[in-house]
């Protein structure tokens, strides 16, 4: 699937966000690895954001320790 135009964001149930809780300024290592997996998946699917996702995944991978 490389065209997300058919998704209606108003119809998606997003997880509730607690705005009164303080958030960390940086991603945890686990969050960074999860983001890296998402970006690599988007890059592999191609589409209009594939090139950007590939570039960002390489930048993130260069900045975080390996998961192994």
N, C-alpha and C. Protein backbone atom coordinates (compact mmCIF):
# COMPACT_ATOMS: atom_id res chain seq x y z
N UNK A 1 0.86 -1.17 0.00
CA UNK A 1 0.00 0.00 0.00
C UNK A 1 0.90 1.23 0.00
N UNK A 2 0.85 2.00 -1.03
CA UNK A 2 1.70 3.18 -1.06
C UNK A 2 0.93 4.46 -1.35
N UNK A 3 -0.38 4.41 -1.17
CA UNK A 3 -1.18 5.61 -1.32
C UNK A 3 -2.12 5.71 -0.13
N UNK A 4 -1.86 6.66 0.73
CA UNK A 4 -2.64 6.80 1.95
C UNK A 4 -3.74 7.86 1.82
N UNK A 5 -3.96 8.34 0.60
CA UNK A 5 -4.92 9.41 0.38
C UNK A 5 -6.34 8.98 0.73
N UNK A 6 -6.62 7.70 0.67
CA UNK A 6 -7.98 7.24 0.93
C UNK A 6 -8.33 7.22 2.42
N UNK A 7 -7.36 7.44 3.30
CA UNK A 7 -7.64 7.48 4.73
C UNK A 7 -8.26 8.82 5.10
N UNK A 8 -9.34 8.77 5.84
CA UNK A 8 -9.99 9.98 6.35
C UNK A 8 -9.60 10.11 7.81
N UNK A 9 -8.73 11.07 8.12
CA UNK A 9 -8.22 11.22 9.47
C UNK A 9 -9.32 11.52 10.48
N UNK A 10 -10.42 12.08 10.04
CA UNK A 10 -11.53 12.35 10.95
C UNK A 10 -12.26 11.08 11.36
N UNK A 11 -12.05 10.00 10.62
CA UNK A 11 -12.72 8.73 10.90
C UNK A 11 -11.85 7.76 11.70
N UNK A 12 -10.61 8.13 11.98
CA UNK A 12 -9.69 7.25 12.70
C UNK A 12 -9.76 7.56 14.19
N UNK A 13 -9.86 6.53 15.01
CA UNK A 13 -9.85 6.70 16.46
C UNK A 13 -8.40 6.67 16.93
N UNK A 14 -7.88 7.84 17.28
CA UNK A 14 -6.52 7.93 17.77
C UNK A 14 -6.52 7.68 19.28
N UNK A 15 -5.39 7.21 19.78
CA UNK A 15 -5.25 7.00 21.22
C UNK A 15 -5.34 8.35 21.93
N UNK A 16 -6.02 8.37 23.07
CA UNK A 16 -6.13 9.64 23.80
C UNK A 16 -4.76 10.08 24.31
N UNK A 17 -4.54 11.38 24.33
CA UNK A 17 -3.28 11.94 24.79
C UNK A 17 -3.55 12.75 26.04
N UNK A 18 -2.76 12.48 27.06
CA UNK A 18 -2.87 13.24 28.31
C UNK A 18 -2.01 14.49 28.18
N UNK A 19 -2.63 15.64 28.07
CA UNK A 19 -1.89 16.88 27.86
C UNK A 19 -1.35 17.46 29.15
N UNK A 20 -1.82 16.97 30.28
CA UNK A 20 -1.35 17.52 31.54
C UNK A 20 -0.11 16.78 32.07
N UNK A 21 0.34 15.76 31.35
CA UNK A 21 1.54 15.03 31.74
C UNK A 21 2.76 15.58 31.01
N UNK A 22 3.86 15.68 31.72
CA UNK A 22 5.09 16.16 31.10
C UNK A 22 5.69 15.06 30.24
N UNK A 23 6.17 15.43 29.08
CA UNK A 23 6.79 14.48 28.17
C UNK A 23 8.30 14.67 28.17
N UNK A 24 9.01 13.59 27.87
CA UNK A 24 10.46 13.67 27.74
C UNK A 24 10.81 14.51 26.51
N UNK A 25 11.87 15.27 26.61
CA UNK A 25 12.29 16.10 25.48
C UNK A 25 12.87 15.25 24.35
N UNK A 26 13.39 14.08 24.68
CA UNK A 26 14.01 13.20 23.69
C UNK A 26 13.26 11.87 23.65
N UNK A 27 13.42 11.16 22.55
CA UNK A 27 12.85 9.83 22.44
C UNK A 27 13.65 8.86 23.29
N UNK A 28 12.97 7.85 23.86
CA UNK A 28 13.70 6.78 24.50
C UNK A 28 14.32 5.92 23.40
N UNK A 29 15.26 5.07 23.76
CA UNK A 29 15.89 4.21 22.77
C UNK A 29 14.85 3.28 22.13
N UNK A 30 13.93 2.78 22.93
CA UNK A 30 12.86 1.93 22.39
C UNK A 30 11.98 2.67 21.40
N UNK A 31 11.63 3.92 21.72
CA UNK A 31 10.83 4.73 20.81
C UNK A 31 11.58 5.02 19.52
N UNK A 32 12.87 5.27 19.62
CA UNK A 32 13.68 5.54 18.43
C UNK A 32 13.72 4.31 17.51
N UNK A 33 13.87 3.12 18.11
CA UNK A 33 13.88 1.90 17.30
C UNK A 33 12.51 1.64 16.66
N UNK A 34 11.44 1.95 17.38
CA UNK A 34 10.09 1.79 16.83
C UNK A 34 9.89 2.74 15.65
N UNK A 35 10.32 3.98 15.81
CA UNK A 35 10.23 4.97 14.73
C UNK A 35 11.05 4.52 13.53
N UNK A 36 12.23 3.98 13.78
CA UNK A 36 13.08 3.50 12.70
C UNK A 36 12.39 2.38 11.92
N UNK A 37 11.73 1.46 12.61
CA UNK A 37 10.99 0.38 11.94
C UNK A 37 9.87 0.94 11.07
N UNK A 38 9.15 1.92 11.58
CA UNK A 38 8.06 2.53 10.82
C UNK A 38 8.60 3.22 9.57
N UNK A 39 9.66 3.99 9.73
CA UNK A 39 10.25 4.69 8.59
C UNK A 39 10.77 3.72 7.54
N UNK A 40 11.40 2.63 7.98
CA UNK A 40 11.89 1.63 7.02
C UNK A 40 10.75 0.95 6.28
N UNK A 41 9.64 0.73 6.97
CA UNK A 41 8.47 0.13 6.32
C UNK A 41 7.92 1.06 5.26
N UNK A 42 7.77 2.35 5.60
CA UNK A 42 7.27 3.34 4.64
C UNK A 42 8.22 3.44 3.45
N UNK A 43 9.52 3.43 3.72
CA UNK A 43 10.50 3.52 2.63
C UNK A 43 10.41 2.30 1.71
N UNK A 44 10.22 1.12 2.30
CA UNK A 44 10.15 -0.10 1.50
C UNK A 44 8.90 -0.14 0.63
N UNK A 45 7.81 0.47 1.10
CA UNK A 45 6.56 0.50 0.33
C UNK A 45 6.64 1.48 -0.84
N UNK A 46 7.59 2.39 -0.79
CA UNK A 46 7.69 3.39 -1.85
C UNK A 46 6.66 4.48 -1.66
N UNK A 47 6.14 4.97 -2.72
CA UNK A 47 5.12 6.01 -2.64
C UNK A 47 5.73 7.39 -2.49
N UNK A 48 4.88 8.38 -2.30
CA UNK A 48 5.35 9.77 -2.29
C UNK A 48 6.27 10.11 -1.12
N UNK A 49 6.19 9.38 -0.02
CA UNK A 49 7.05 9.68 1.13
C UNK A 49 8.19 8.69 1.30
N UNK A 50 8.32 7.76 0.37
CA UNK A 50 9.34 6.72 0.48
C UNK A 50 10.75 7.25 0.54
N UNK A 51 11.06 8.22 -0.30
CA UNK A 51 12.42 8.77 -0.35
C UNK A 51 12.73 9.52 0.95
N UNK A 52 11.79 10.31 1.42
CA UNK A 52 11.99 11.03 2.68
C UNK A 52 12.13 10.07 3.85
N UNK A 53 11.30 9.04 3.90
CA UNK A 53 11.36 8.05 4.97
C UNK A 53 12.70 7.33 4.95
N UNK A 54 13.21 7.02 3.76
CA UNK A 54 14.51 6.35 3.64
C UNK A 54 15.62 7.24 4.19
N UNK A 55 15.61 8.51 3.82
CA UNK A 55 16.63 9.43 4.31
C UNK A 55 16.59 9.60 5.82
N UNK A 56 15.37 9.75 6.35
CA UNK A 56 15.23 9.91 7.80
C UNK A 56 15.63 8.64 8.55
N UNK A 57 15.30 7.48 7.98
CA UNK A 57 15.67 6.24 8.65
C UNK A 57 17.19 6.09 8.72
N UNK A 58 17.89 6.51 7.68
CA UNK A 58 19.35 6.44 7.69
C UNK A 58 19.94 7.41 8.71
N UNK A 59 19.36 8.60 8.82
CA UNK A 59 19.84 9.58 9.81
C UNK A 59 19.64 9.07 11.23
N UNK A 60 18.48 8.51 11.51
CA UNK A 60 18.19 8.00 12.84
C UNK A 60 19.07 6.80 13.15
N UNK A 61 19.21 5.90 12.19
CA UNK A 61 20.04 4.71 12.41
C UNK A 61 21.49 5.09 12.72
N UNK A 62 21.97 6.17 12.13
CA UNK A 62 23.34 6.60 12.37
C UNK A 62 23.51 7.22 13.75
N UNK A 63 22.43 7.61 14.38
CA UNK A 63 22.51 8.34 15.65
C UNK A 63 22.15 7.51 16.87
N UNK A 64 21.64 6.29 16.68
CA UNK A 64 21.25 5.49 17.84
C UNK A 64 22.03 4.17 17.84
N UNK A 65 22.24 3.60 19.02
CA UNK A 65 22.92 2.32 19.09
C UNK A 65 22.07 1.22 18.47
N UNK A 66 22.74 0.19 17.99
CA UNK A 66 22.05 -0.95 17.38
C UNK A 66 21.16 -1.62 18.43
N UNK A 67 20.07 -2.21 17.95
CA UNK A 67 19.15 -2.88 18.86
C UNK A 67 19.70 -4.23 19.29
N UNK A 68 20.64 -4.78 18.54
CA UNK A 68 21.22 -6.09 18.88
C UNK A 68 22.18 -6.02 20.02
